[in-house]
PDB file of N, CA and C in Angstrom:
ATOM      1  N   UNK A   1      11.531 -32.844 -15.188  1.00  0.00           N
ATOM      2  CA  UNK A   1      11.769 -31.462 -15.561  1.00  0.00           C
ATOM      3  C   UNK A   1      10.604 -30.987 -16.440  1.00  0.00           C
ATOM      4  N   UNK A   2      10.010 -29.900 -16.063  1.00  0.00           N
ATOM      5  CA  UNK A   2       8.920 -29.331 -16.834  1.00  0.00           C
ATOM      6  C   UNK A   2       9.484 -28.459 -17.956  1.00  0.00           C
ATOM      7  N   UNK A   3       8.920 -28.629 -19.128  1.00  0.00           N
ATOM      8  CA  UNK A   3       9.376 -27.889 -20.303  1.00  0.00           C
ATOM      9  C   UNK A   3       8.541 -26.627 -20.466  1.00  0.00           C
ATOM     10  N   UNK A   4       9.224 -25.511 -20.611  1.00  0.00           N
ATOM     11  CA  UNK A   4       8.558 -24.231 -20.837  1.00  0.00           C
ATOM     12  C   UNK A   4       8.646 -23.919 -22.334  1.00  0.00           C
ATOM     13  N   UNK A   5       7.542 -24.186 -23.044  1.00  0.00           N
ATOM     14  CA  UNK A   5       7.542 -24.004 -24.500  1.00  0.00           C
ATOM     15  C   UNK A   5       7.721 -22.545 -24.901  1.00  0.00           C
ATOM     16  N   UNK A   6       7.237 -21.613 -24.074  1.00  0.00           N
ATOM     17  CA  UNK A   6       7.444 -20.193 -24.386  1.00  0.00           C
ATOM     18  C   UNK A   6       8.926 -19.838 -24.322  1.00  0.00           C
ATOM     19  N   UNK A   7       9.609 -20.364 -23.320  1.00  0.00           N
ATOM     20  CA  UNK A   7      11.043 -20.120 -23.189  1.00  0.00           C
ATOM     21  C   UNK A   7      11.793 -20.729 -24.374  1.00  0.00           C
ATOM     22  N   UNK A   8      11.382 -21.915 -24.789  1.00  0.00           N
ATOM     23  CA  UNK A   8      12.020 -22.549 -25.939  1.00  0.00           C
ATOM     24  C   UNK A   8      11.823 -21.705 -27.203  1.00  0.00           C
ATOM     25  N   UNK A   9      10.616 -21.202 -27.398  1.00  0.00           N
ATOM     26  CA  UNK A   9      10.348 -20.355 -28.567  1.00  0.00           C
ATOM     27  C   UNK A   9      11.194 -19.087 -28.513  1.00  0.00           C
ATOM     28  N   UNK A  10      11.318 -18.507 -27.326  1.00  0.00           N
ATOM     29  CA  UNK A  10      12.147 -17.306 -27.163  1.00  0.00           C
ATOM     30  C   UNK A  10      13.599 -17.606 -27.500  1.00  0.00           C
ATOM     31  N   UNK A  11      14.084 -18.771 -27.065  1.00  0.00           N
ATOM     32  CA  UNK A  11      15.467 -19.156 -27.390  1.00  0.00           C
ATOM     33  C   UNK A  11      15.661 -19.248 -28.909  1.00  0.00           C
ATOM     34  N   UNK A  12      14.696 -19.853 -29.595  1.00  0.00           N
ATOM     35  CA  UNK A  12      14.810 -19.966 -31.055  1.00  0.00           C
ATOM     36  C   UNK A  12      14.849 -18.597 -31.717  1.00  0.00           C
ATOM     37  N   UNK A  13      13.983 -17.697 -31.274  1.00  0.00           N
ATOM     38  CA  UNK A  13      13.959 -16.342 -31.842  1.00  0.00           C
ATOM     39  C   UNK A  13      15.259 -15.608 -31.568  1.00  0.00           C
ATOM     40  N   UNK A  14      15.728 -15.701 -30.331  1.00  0.00           N
ATOM     41  CA  UNK A  14      16.967 -15.022 -29.955  1.00  0.00           C
ATOM     42  C   UNK A  14      18.156 -15.648 -30.695  1.00  0.00           C
ATOM     43  N   UNK A  15      18.132 -16.972 -30.852  1.00  0.00           N
ATOM     44  CA  UNK A  15      19.191 -17.652 -31.602  1.00  0.00           C
ATOM     45  C   UNK A  15      19.250 -17.155 -33.037  1.00  0.00           C
ATOM     46  N   UNK A  16      18.083 -16.976 -33.649  1.00  0.00           N
ATOM     47  CA  UNK A  16      18.029 -16.446 -35.022  1.00  0.00           C
ATOM     48  C   UNK A  16      18.612 -15.039 -35.086  1.00  0.00           C
ATOM     49  N   UNK A  17      18.300 -14.230 -34.070  1.00  0.00           N
ATOM     50  CA  UNK A  17      18.860 -12.877 -34.009  1.00  0.00           C
ATOM     51  C   UNK A  17      20.377 -12.923 -33.903  1.00  0.00           C
ATOM     52  N   UNK A  18      20.889 -13.810 -33.060  1.00  0.00           N
ATOM     53  CA  UNK A  18      22.341 -13.943 -32.917  1.00  0.00           C
ATOM     54  C   UNK A  18      22.983 -14.386 -34.239  1.00  0.00           C
ATOM     55  N   UNK A  19      22.329 -15.273 -34.945  1.00  0.00           N
ATOM     56  CA  UNK A  19      22.864 -15.701 -36.243  1.00  0.00           C
ATOM     57  C   UNK A  19      22.973 -14.527 -37.207  1.00  0.00           C
ATOM     58  N   UNK A  20      21.943 -13.703 -37.238  1.00  0.00           N
ATOM     59  CA  UNK A  20      21.926 -12.551 -38.154  1.00  0.00           C
ATOM     60  C   UNK A  20      23.057 -11.578 -37.868  1.00  0.00           C
ATOM     61  N   UNK A  21      23.485 -11.509 -36.595  1.00  0.00           N
ATOM     62  CA  UNK A  21      24.570 -10.591 -36.236  1.00  0.00           C
ATOM     63  C   UNK A  21      25.924 -11.304 -36.194  1.00  0.00           C
ATOM     64  N   UNK A  22      25.944 -12.575 -36.630  1.00  0.00           N
ATOM     65  CA  UNK A  22      27.204 -13.313 -36.679  1.00  0.00           C
ATOM     66  C   UNK A  22      27.680 -13.855 -35.354  1.00  0.00           C
ATOM     67  N   UNK A  23      26.822 -13.828 -34.355  1.00  0.00           N
ATOM     68  CA  UNK A  23      27.196 -14.339 -33.026  1.00  0.00           C
ATOM     69  C   UNK A  23      26.773 -15.806 -32.910  1.00  0.00           C
ATOM     70  N   UNK A  24      27.474 -16.640 -33.655  1.00  0.00           N
ATOM     71  CA  UNK A  24      27.081 -18.033 -33.778  1.00  0.00           C
ATOM     72  C   UNK A  24      27.240 -18.824 -32.486  1.00  0.00           C
ATOM     73  N   UNK A  25      28.250 -18.526 -31.690  1.00  0.00           N
ATOM     74  CA  UNK A  25      28.430 -19.261 -30.434  1.00  0.00           C
ATOM     75  C   UNK A  25      27.252 -19.031 -29.491  1.00  0.00           C
ATOM     76  N   UNK A  26      26.735 -17.813 -29.457  1.00  0.00           N
ATOM     77  CA  UNK A  26      25.568 -17.517 -28.620  1.00  0.00           C
ATOM     78  C   UNK A  26      24.325 -18.230 -29.155  1.00  0.00           C
ATOM     79  N   UNK A  27      24.187 -18.259 -30.475  1.00  0.00           N
ATOM     80  CA  UNK A  27      23.058 -18.965 -31.089  1.00  0.00           C
ATOM     81  C   UNK A  27      23.144 -20.455 -30.774  1.00  0.00           C
ATOM     82  N   UNK A  28      24.339 -21.002 -30.886  1.00  0.00           N
ATOM     83  CA  UNK A  28      24.537 -22.423 -30.600  1.00  0.00           C
ATOM     84  C   UNK A  28      24.111 -22.746 -29.171  1.00  0.00           C
ATOM     85  N   UNK A  29      24.513 -21.922 -28.215  1.00  0.00           N
ATOM     86  CA  UNK A  29      24.148 -22.159 -26.814  1.00  0.00           C
ATOM     87  C   UNK A  29      22.633 -22.255 -26.640  1.00  0.00           C
ATOM     88  N   UNK A  30      21.914 -21.325 -27.247  1.00  0.00           N
ATOM     89  CA  UNK A  30      20.457 -21.318 -27.105  1.00  0.00           C
ATOM     90  C   UNK A  30      19.818 -22.518 -27.793  1.00  0.00           C
ATOM     91  N   UNK A  31      20.244 -22.794 -29.002  1.00  0.00           N
ATOM     92  CA  UNK A  31      19.686 -23.942 -29.720  1.00  0.00           C
ATOM     93  C   UNK A  31      20.007 -25.257 -29.001  1.00  0.00           C
ATOM     94  N   UNK A  32      21.230 -25.361 -28.468  1.00  0.00           N
ATOM     95  CA  UNK A  32      21.620 -26.581 -27.759  1.00  0.00           C
ATOM     96  C   UNK A  32      20.740 -26.813 -26.523  1.00  0.00           C
ATOM     97  N   UNK A  33      20.341 -25.745 -25.856  1.00  0.00           N
ATOM     98  CA  UNK A  33      19.434 -25.899 -24.714  1.00  0.00           C
ATOM     99  C   UNK A  33      18.117 -26.525 -25.162  1.00  0.00           C
ATOM    100  N   UNK A  34      17.600 -26.067 -26.296  1.00  0.00           N
ATOM    101  CA  UNK A  34      16.346 -26.635 -26.798  1.00  0.00           C
ATOM    102  C   UNK A  34      16.520 -28.083 -27.241  1.00  0.00           C
ATOM    103  N   UNK A  35      17.638 -28.394 -27.837  1.00  0.00           N
ATOM    104  CA  UNK A  35      17.909 -29.774 -28.241  1.00  0.00           C
ATOM    105  C   UNK A  35      17.997 -30.659 -26.998  1.00  0.00           C
ATOM    106  N   UNK A  36      18.659 -30.179 -25.959  1.00  0.00           N
ATOM    107  CA  UNK A  36      18.777 -30.946 -24.721  1.00  0.00           C
ATOM    108  C   UNK A  36      17.407 -31.221 -24.100  1.00  0.00           C
ATOM    109  N   UNK A  37      16.473 -30.322 -24.341  1.00  0.00           N
ATOM    110  CA  UNK A  37      15.109 -30.486 -23.816  1.00  0.00           C
ATOM    111  C   UNK A  37      14.193 -31.181 -24.828  1.00  0.00           C
ATOM    112  N   UNK A  38      14.752 -31.717 -25.896  1.00  0.00           N
ATOM    113  CA  UNK A  38      13.991 -32.424 -26.945  1.00  0.00           C
ATOM    114  C   UNK A  38      12.857 -31.584 -27.511  1.00  0.00           C
ATOM    115  N   UNK A  39      13.185 -30.350 -27.881  1.00  0.00           N
ATOM    116  CA  UNK A  39      12.214 -29.433 -28.478  1.00  0.00           C
ATOM    117  C   UNK A  39      11.457 -30.132 -29.604  1.00  0.00           C
ATOM    118  N   UNK A  40      10.154 -29.955 -29.638  1.00  0.00           N
ATOM    119  CA  UNK A  40       9.305 -30.662 -30.606  1.00  0.00           C
ATOM    120  C   UNK A  40       8.987 -29.791 -31.819  1.00  0.00           C
ATOM    121  N   UNK A  41      10.002 -29.264 -32.403  1.00  0.00           N
ATOM    122  CA  UNK A  41       9.913 -28.474 -33.629  1.00  0.00           C
ATOM    123  C   UNK A  41      11.261 -28.569 -34.313  1.00  0.00           C
ATOM    124  N   UNK A  42      11.316 -28.289 -35.577  1.00  0.00           N
ATOM    125  CA  UNK A  42      12.544 -28.517 -36.331  1.00  0.00           C
ATOM    126  C   UNK A  42      13.583 -27.399 -36.235  1.00  0.00           C
ATOM    127  N   UNK A  43      13.178 -26.209 -35.803  1.00  0.00           N
ATOM    128  CA  UNK A  43      14.061 -25.044 -35.896  1.00  0.00           C
ATOM    129  C   UNK A  43      15.456 -25.252 -35.287  1.00  0.00           C
ATOM    130  N   UNK A  44      15.587 -25.606 -34.010  1.00  0.00           N
ATOM    131  CA  UNK A  44      16.948 -25.681 -33.461  1.00  0.00           C
ATOM    132  C   UNK A  44      17.795 -26.777 -34.104  1.00  0.00           C
ATOM    133  N   UNK A  45      17.158 -27.867 -34.526  1.00  0.00           N
ATOM    134  CA  UNK A  45      17.901 -28.956 -35.159  1.00  0.00           C
ATOM    135  C   UNK A  45      18.398 -28.532 -36.546  1.00  0.00           C
ATOM    136  N   UNK A  46      17.506 -27.907 -37.304  1.00  0.00           N
ATOM    137  CA  UNK A  46      17.909 -27.417 -38.626  1.00  0.00           C
ATOM    138  C   UNK A  46      19.040 -26.406 -38.516  1.00  0.00           C
ATOM    139  N   UNK A  47      18.876 -25.441 -37.630  1.00  0.00           N
ATOM    140  CA  UNK A  47      19.861 -24.370 -37.516  1.00  0.00           C
ATOM    141  C   UNK A  47      21.199 -24.900 -37.011  1.00  0.00           C
ATOM    142  N   UNK A  48      21.176 -25.739 -35.974  1.00  0.00           N
ATOM    143  CA  UNK A  48      22.432 -26.284 -35.450  1.00  0.00           C
ATOM    144  C   UNK A  48      23.138 -27.147 -36.489  1.00  0.00           C
ATOM    145  N   UNK A  49      22.384 -28.005 -37.163  1.00  0.00           N
ATOM    146  CA  UNK A  49      23.011 -28.859 -38.179  1.00  0.00           C
ATOM    147  C   UNK A  49      23.668 -28.004 -39.256  1.00  0.00           C
ATOM    148  N   UNK A  50      23.007 -26.934 -39.651  1.00  0.00           N
ATOM    149  CA  UNK A  50      23.561 -26.043 -40.675  1.00  0.00           C
ATOM    150  C   UNK A  50      24.792 -25.307 -40.155  1.00  0.00           C
ATOM    151  N   UNK A  51      24.697 -24.778 -38.956  1.00  0.00           N
ATOM    152  CA  UNK A  51      25.850 -24.059 -38.373  1.00  0.00           C
ATOM    153  C   UNK A  51      27.045 -24.999 -38.262  1.00  0.00           C
ATOM    154  N   UNK A  52      26.815 -26.190 -37.695  1.00  0.00           N
ATOM    155  CA  UNK A  52      27.919 -27.135 -37.534  1.00  0.00           C
ATOM    156  C   UNK A  52      28.483 -27.573 -38.889  1.00  0.00           C
ATOM    157  N   UNK A  53      27.622 -27.756 -39.871  1.00  0.00           N
ATOM    158  CA  UNK A  53      28.103 -28.117 -41.206  1.00  0.00           C
ATOM    159  C   UNK A  53      28.983 -27.008 -41.758  1.00  0.00           C
ATOM    160  N   UNK A  54      28.546 -25.761 -41.619  1.00  0.00           N
ATOM    161  CA  UNK A  54      29.323 -24.622 -42.106  1.00  0.00           C
ATOM    162  C   UNK A  54      30.647 -24.461 -41.362  1.00  0.00           C
ATOM    163  N   UNK A  55      30.698 -24.939 -40.118  1.00  0.00           N
ATOM    164  CA  UNK A  55      31.929 -24.875 -39.331  1.00  0.00           C
ATOM    165  C   UNK A  55      32.794 -26.126 -39.520  1.00  0.00           C
ATOM    166  N   UNK A  56      32.367 -27.007 -40.426  1.00  0.00           N
ATOM    167  CA  UNK A  56      33.067 -28.280 -40.653  1.00  0.00           C
ATOM    168  C   UNK A  56      33.160 -29.124 -39.384  1.00  0.00           C
ATOM    169  N   UNK A  57      32.134 -29.051 -38.553  1.00  0.00           N
ATOM    170  CA  UNK A  57      32.057 -29.831 -37.316  1.00  0.00           C
ATOM    171  C   UNK A  57      31.076 -30.974 -37.553  1.00  0.00           C
ATOM    172  N   UNK A  58      31.540 -31.973 -38.303  1.00  0.00           N
ATOM    173  CA  UNK A  58      30.678 -33.059 -38.757  1.00  0.00           C
ATOM    174  C   UNK A  58      30.135 -33.888 -37.604  1.00  0.00           C
ATOM    175  N   UNK A  59      30.926 -34.083 -36.560  1.00  0.00           N
ATOM    176  CA  UNK A  59      30.469 -34.903 -35.437  1.00  0.00           C
ATOM    177  C   UNK A  59      29.274 -34.260 -34.726  1.00  0.00           C
ATOM    178  N   UNK A  60      29.339 -32.964 -34.511  1.00  0.00           N
ATOM    179  CA  UNK A  60      28.198 -32.295 -33.874  1.00  0.00           C
ATOM    180  C   UNK A  60      26.999 -32.224 -34.820  1.00  0.00           C
ATOM    181  N   UNK A  61      27.247 -32.049 -36.092  1.00  0.00           N
ATOM    182  CA  UNK A  61      26.147 -32.072 -37.064  1.00  0.00           C
ATOM    183  C   UNK A  61      25.417 -33.413 -36.978  1.00  0.00           C
ATOM    184  N   UNK A  62      26.170 -34.492 -36.972  1.00  0.00           N
ATOM    185  CA  UNK A  62      25.590 -35.837 -36.891  1.00  0.00           C
ATOM    186  C   UNK A  62      24.840 -36.021 -35.574  1.00  0.00           C
ATOM    187  N   UNK A  63      25.429 -35.588 -34.468  1.00  0.00           N
ATOM    188  CA  UNK A  63      24.788 -35.720 -33.157  1.00  0.00           C
ATOM    189  C   UNK A  63      23.429 -35.030 -33.137  1.00  0.00           C
ATOM    190  N   UNK A  64      23.367 -33.819 -33.663  1.00  0.00           N
ATOM    191  CA  UNK A  64      22.123 -33.047 -33.672  1.00  0.00           C
ATOM    192  C   UNK A  64      21.084 -33.715 -34.575  1.00  0.00           C
ATOM    193  N   UNK A  65      21.510 -34.186 -35.723  1.00  0.00           N
ATOM    194  CA  UNK A  65      20.574 -34.853 -36.635  1.00  0.00           C
ATOM    195  C   UNK A  65      20.042 -36.150 -36.033  1.00  0.00           C
ATOM    196  N   UNK A  66      20.892 -36.883 -35.340  1.00  0.00           N
ATOM    197  CA  UNK A  66      20.431 -38.105 -34.673  1.00  0.00           C
ATOM    198  C   UNK A  66      19.391 -37.785 -33.604  1.00  0.00           C
ATOM    199  N   UNK A  67      19.619 -36.722 -32.860  1.00  0.00           N
ATOM    200  CA  UNK A  67      18.645 -36.303 -31.841  1.00  0.00           C
ATOM    201  C   UNK A  67      17.330 -35.882 -32.507  1.00  0.00           C
ATOM    202  N   UNK A  68      17.419 -35.151 -33.607  1.00  0.00           N
ATOM    203  CA  UNK A  68      16.210 -34.728 -34.324  1.00  0.00           C
ATOM    204  C   UNK A  68      15.399 -35.949 -34.770  1.00  0.00           C
ATOM    205  N   UNK A  69      16.083 -36.966 -35.226  1.00  0.00           N
ATOM    206  CA  UNK A  69      15.391 -38.182 -35.676  1.00  0.00           C
ATOM    207  C   UNK A  69      14.638 -38.830 -34.516  1.00  0.00           C
ATOM    208  N   UNK A  70      15.271 -38.910 -33.368  1.00  0.00           N
ATOM    209  CA  UNK A  70      14.602 -39.471 -32.186  1.00  0.00           C
ATOM    210  C   UNK A  70      13.350 -38.660 -31.848  1.00  0.00           C
ATOM    211  N   UNK A  71      13.476 -37.348 -31.821  1.00  0.00           N
ATOM    212  CA  UNK A  71      12.348 -36.471 -31.490  1.00  0.00           C
ATOM    213  C   UNK A  71      11.232 -36.605 -32.522  1.00  0.00           C
ATOM    214  N   UNK A  72      11.584 -36.615 -33.802  1.00  0.00           N
ATOM    215  CA  UNK A  72      10.553 -36.668 -34.832  1.00  0.00           C
ATOM    216  C   UNK A  72       9.961 -38.060 -35.024  1.00  0.00           C
ATOM    217  N   UNK A  73      10.675 -39.100 -34.597  1.00  0.00           N
ATOM    218  CA  UNK A  73      10.054 -40.429 -34.549  1.00  0.00           C
ATOM    219  C   UNK A  73       8.931 -40.421 -33.509  1.00  0.00           C
ATOM    220  N   UNK A  74       9.194 -39.778 -32.381  1.00  0.00           N
ATOM    221  CA  UNK A  74       8.177 -39.660 -31.329  1.00  0.00           C
ATOM    222  C   UNK A  74       6.996 -38.816 -31.816  1.00  0.00           C
ATOM    223  N   UNK A  75       7.280 -37.721 -32.482  1.00  0.00           N
ATOM    224  CA  UNK A  75       6.219 -36.854 -33.016  1.00  0.00           C
ATOM    225  C   UNK A  75       5.362 -37.629 -34.007  1.00  0.00           C
ATOM    226  N   UNK A  76       6.002 -38.453 -34.831  1.00  0.00           N
ATOM    227  CA  UNK A  76       5.272 -39.251 -35.814  1.00  0.00           C
ATOM    228  C   UNK A  76       4.379 -40.268 -35.107  1.00  0.00           C
ATOM    229  N   UNK A  77       4.886 -40.880 -34.051  1.00  0.00           N
ATOM    230  CA  UNK A  77       4.086 -41.825 -33.272  1.00  0.00           C
ATOM    231  C   UNK A  77       2.882 -41.121 -32.653  1.00  0.00           C
ATOM    232  N   UNK A  78       3.082 -39.868 -32.236  1.00  0.00           N
ATOM    233  CA  UNK A  78       1.981 -39.077 -31.666  1.00  0.00           C
ATOM    234  C   UNK A  78       0.976 -38.678 -32.741  1.00  0.00           C
ATOM    235  N   UNK A  79       1.285 -39.013 -33.988  1.00  0.00           N
ATOM    236  CA  UNK A  79       0.395 -38.762 -35.124  1.00  0.00           C
ATOM    237  C   UNK A  79       0.256 -37.281 -35.458  1.00  0.00           C
ATOM    238  N   UNK A  80       1.315 -36.518 -35.220  1.00  0.00           N
ATOM    239  CA  UNK A  80       1.313 -35.121 -35.666  1.00  0.00           C
ATOM    240  C   UNK A  80       1.663 -35.106 -37.141  1.00  0.00           C
ATOM    241  N   UNK A  81       0.863 -34.459 -37.912  1.00  0.00           N
ATOM    242  CA  UNK A  81       0.952 -34.524 -39.377  1.00  0.00           C
ATOM    243  C   UNK A  81       2.304 -34.072 -39.930  1.00  0.00           C
ATOM    244  N   UNK A  82       2.954 -33.119 -39.275  1.00  0.00           N
ATOM    245  CA  UNK A  82       4.220 -32.615 -39.812  1.00  0.00           C
ATOM    246  C   UNK A  82       5.395 -33.524 -39.484  1.00  0.00           C
ATOM    247  N   UNK A  83       5.189 -34.523 -38.636  1.00  0.00           N
ATOM    248  CA  UNK A  83       6.294 -35.357 -38.177  1.00  0.00           C
ATOM    249  C   UNK A  83       6.982 -36.167 -39.249  1.00  0.00           C
ATOM    250  N   UNK A  84       6.215 -36.870 -40.061  1.00  0.00           N
ATOM    251  CA  UNK A  84       6.803 -37.798 -41.018  1.00  0.00           C
ATOM    252  C   UNK A  84       7.677 -37.128 -42.078  1.00  0.00           C
ATOM    253  N   UNK A  85       7.225 -36.066 -42.749  1.00  0.00           N
ATOM    254  CA  UNK A  85       8.111 -35.445 -43.747  1.00  0.00           C
ATOM    255  C   UNK A  85       9.396 -34.894 -43.136  1.00  0.00           C
ATOM    256  N   UNK A  86       9.289 -34.330 -41.941  1.00  0.00           N
ATOM    257  CA  UNK A  86      10.489 -33.795 -41.288  1.00  0.00           C
ATOM    258  C   UNK A  86      11.413 -34.932 -40.862  1.00  0.00           C
ATOM    259  N   UNK A  87      10.836 -36.032 -40.404  1.00  0.00           N
ATOM    260  CA  UNK A  87      11.634 -37.196 -40.039  1.00  0.00           C
ATOM    261  C   UNK A  87      12.431 -37.682 -41.246  1.00  0.00           C
ATOM    262  N   UNK A  88      11.778 -37.807 -42.399  1.00  0.00           N
ATOM    263  CA  UNK A  88      12.476 -38.242 -43.611  1.00  0.00           C
ATOM    264  C   UNK A  88      13.574 -37.253 -44.000  1.00  0.00           C
ATOM    265  N   UNK A  89      13.293 -35.961 -43.851  1.00  0.00           N
ATOM    266  CA  UNK A  89      14.280 -34.939 -44.202  1.00  0.00           C
ATOM    267  C   UNK A  89      15.506 -35.048 -43.299  1.00  0.00           C
ATOM    268  N   UNK A  90      15.286 -35.232 -41.986  1.00  0.00           N
ATOM    269  CA  UNK A  90      16.418 -35.367 -41.067  1.00  0.00           C
ATOM    270  C   UNK A  90      17.213 -36.647 -41.354  1.00  0.00           C
ATOM    271  N   UNK A  91      16.518 -37.724 -41.677  1.00  0.00           N
ATOM    272  CA  UNK A  91      17.225 -38.968 -42.004  1.00  0.00           C
ATOM    273  C   UNK A  91      18.077 -38.790 -43.256  1.00  0.00           C
ATOM    274  N   UNK A  92      17.560 -38.083 -44.234  1.00  0.00           N
ATOM    275  CA  UNK A  92      18.309 -37.819 -45.461  1.00  0.00           C
ATOM    276  C   UNK A  92      19.548 -36.973 -45.164  1.00  0.00           C
ATOM    277  N   UNK A  93      19.375 -35.941 -44.344  1.00  0.00           N
ATOM    278  CA  UNK A  93      20.519 -35.086 -43.986  1.00  0.00           C
ATOM    279  C   UNK A  93      21.571 -35.882 -43.216  1.00  0.00           C
ATOM    280  N   UNK A  94      21.113 -36.770 -42.319  1.00  0.00           N
ATOM    281  CA  UNK A  94      22.041 -37.598 -41.555  1.00  0.00           C
ATOM    282  C   UNK A  94      22.823 -38.523 -42.485  1.00  0.00           C
ATOM    283  N   UNK A  95      22.133 -39.122 -43.435  1.00  0.00           N
ATOM    284  CA  UNK A  95      22.799 -40.007 -44.386  1.00  0.00           C
ATOM    285  C   UNK A  95      23.893 -39.258 -45.144  1.00  0.00           C
ATOM    286  N   UNK A  96      23.602 -38.034 -45.563  1.00  0.00           N
ATOM    287  CA  UNK A  96      24.599 -37.222 -46.273  1.00  0.00           C
ATOM    288  C   UNK A  96      25.778 -36.872 -45.363  1.00  0.00           C
ATOM    289  N   UNK A  97      25.478 -36.523 -44.109  1.00  0.00           N
ATOM    290  CA  UNK A  97      26.547 -36.173 -43.166  1.00  0.00           C
ATOM    291  C   UNK A  97      27.436 -37.381 -42.874  1.00  0.00           C
ATOM    292  N   UNK A  98      26.830 -38.558 -42.711  1.00  0.00           N
ATOM    293  CA  UNK A  98      27.620 -39.767 -42.471  1.00  0.00           C
ATOM    294  C   UNK A  98      28.486 -40.103 -43.686  1.00  0.00           C
ATOM    295  N   UNK A  99      27.947 -39.894 -44.878  1.00  0.00           N
ATOM    296  CA  UNK A  99      28.711 -40.119 -46.101  1.00  0.00           C
ATOM    297  C   UNK A  99      29.911 -39.158 -46.167  1.00  0.00           C
ATOM    298  N   UNK A 100      29.668 -37.908 -45.837  1.00  0.00           N
ATOM    299  CA  UNK A 100      30.745 -36.912 -45.822  1.00  0.00           C
ATOM    300  C   UNK A 100      31.823 -37.309 -44.828  1.00  0.00           C
ATOM    301  N   UNK A 101      31.408 -37.753 -43.634  1.00  0.00           N
ATOM    302  CA  UNK A 101      32.373 -38.164 -42.607  1.00  0.00           C
ATOM    303  C   UNK A 101      33.212 -39.341 -43.106  1.00  0.00           C
ATOM    304  N   UNK A 102      32.573 -40.289 -43.763  1.00  0.00           N
ATOM    305  CA  UNK A 102      33.298 -41.446 -44.293  1.00  0.00           C
ATOM    306  C   UNK A 102      34.287 -41.014 -45.374  1.00  0.00           C
ATOM    307  N   UNK A 103      33.873 -40.097 -46.231  1.00  0.00           N
ATOM    308  CA  UNK A 103      34.759 -39.597 -47.280  1.00  0.00           C
ATOM    309  C   UNK A 103      35.963 -38.867 -46.678  1.00  0.00           C
ATOM    310  N   UNK A 104      35.716 -38.058 -45.663  1.00  0.00           N
ATOM    311  CA  UNK A 104      36.807 -37.335 -45.005  1.00  0.00           C
ATOM    312  C   UNK A 104      37.785 -38.294 -44.337  1.00  0.00           C
ATOM    313  N   UNK A 105      37.254 -39.334 -43.713  1.00  0.00           N
ATOM    314  CA  UNK A 105      38.114 -40.335 -43.069  1.00  0.00           C
ATOM    315  C   UNK A 105      38.963 -41.055 -44.116  1.00  0.00           C
ATOM    316  N   UNK A 106      38.358 -41.359 -45.250  1.00  0.00           N
ATOM    317  CA  UNK A 106      39.071 -42.026 -46.340  1.00  0.00           C
ATOM    318  C   UNK A 106      40.199 -41.134 -46.866  1.00  0.00           C
ATOM    319  N   UNK A 107      39.904 -39.860 -47.064  1.00  0.00           N
ATOM    320  CA  UNK A 107      40.928 -38.919 -47.535  1.00  0.00           C
ATOM    321  C   UNK A 107      42.066 -38.779 -46.524  1.00  0.00           C
ATOM    322  N   UNK A 108      41.712 -38.714 -45.245  1.00  0.00           N
ATOM    323  CA  UNK A 108      42.730 -38.586 -44.198  1.00  0.00           C
ATOM    324  C   UNK A 108      43.627 -39.818 -44.172  1.00  0.00           C
ATOM    325  N   UNK A 109      43.034 -40.979 -44.361  1.00  0.00           N
ATOM    326  CA  UNK A 109      43.800 -42.223 -44.377  1.00  0.00           C
ATOM    327  C   UNK A 109      44.746 -42.253 -45.573  1.00  0.00           C
ATOM    328  N   UNK A 110      44.254 -41.810 -46.736  1.00  0.00           N
ATOM    329  CA  UNK A 110      45.092 -41.784 -47.942  1.00  0.00           C
ATOM    330  C   UNK A 110      46.243 -40.801 -47.757  1.00  0.00           C
ATOM    331  N   UNK A 111      45.942 -39.661 -47.176  1.00  0.00           N
ATOM    332  CA  UNK A 111      46.969 -38.643 -46.957  1.00  0.00           C
ATOM    333  C   UNK A 111      48.039 -39.164 -45.992  1.00  0.00           C
ATOM    334  N   UNK A 112      47.591 -39.854 -44.931  1.00  0.00           N
ATOM    335  CA  UNK A 112      48.513 -40.379 -43.938  1.00  0.00           C
ATOM    336  C   UNK A 112      49.414 -41.466 -44.543  1.00  0.00           C
ATOM    337  N   UNK A 113      48.858 -42.288 -45.420  1.00  0.00           N
ATOM    338  CA  UNK A 113      49.654 -43.358 -46.026  1.00  0.00           C
ATOM    339  C   UNK A 113      50.718 -42.830 -46.999  1.00  0.00           C
ATOM    340  N   UNK A 114      50.503 -41.616 -47.506  1.00  0.00           N
ATOM    341  CA  UNK A 114      51.479 -40.996 -48.417  1.00  0.00           C
ATOM    342  C   UNK A 114      52.648 -40.374 -47.671  1.00  0.00           C
ATOM    343  N   UNK A 115      52.481 -40.157 -46.361  1.00  0.00           N
ATOM    344  CA  UNK A 115      53.549 -39.526 -45.579  1.00  0.00           C
ATOM    345  C   UNK A 115      54.628 -40.466 -45.210  1.00  0.00           C
TER     346      UNK A 115
END
């Protein structure tokens, strides 16, 4: 499959517009297309992780961050200068999201045991 970088950039711009008007589902669709195509920039990963976090959708937040890490590991191997700091940032965000998921699971277990 050939990647059209102009189309990907257009999706990111349009996704940002949808976010500004509160049309998050439309923004998600566009960003998810870029993630599926392993877009080599941080925008769709950052935006999706933030949207999913705000929607309390921890599993999708984690999925997107894991994909970003794979993409930015490749970018770092390609020796693109911006790859390494972004890779570390995504790993840090993933660690926080996994910690949150573990805390939520612990709370759910405690709540269930009280019933």
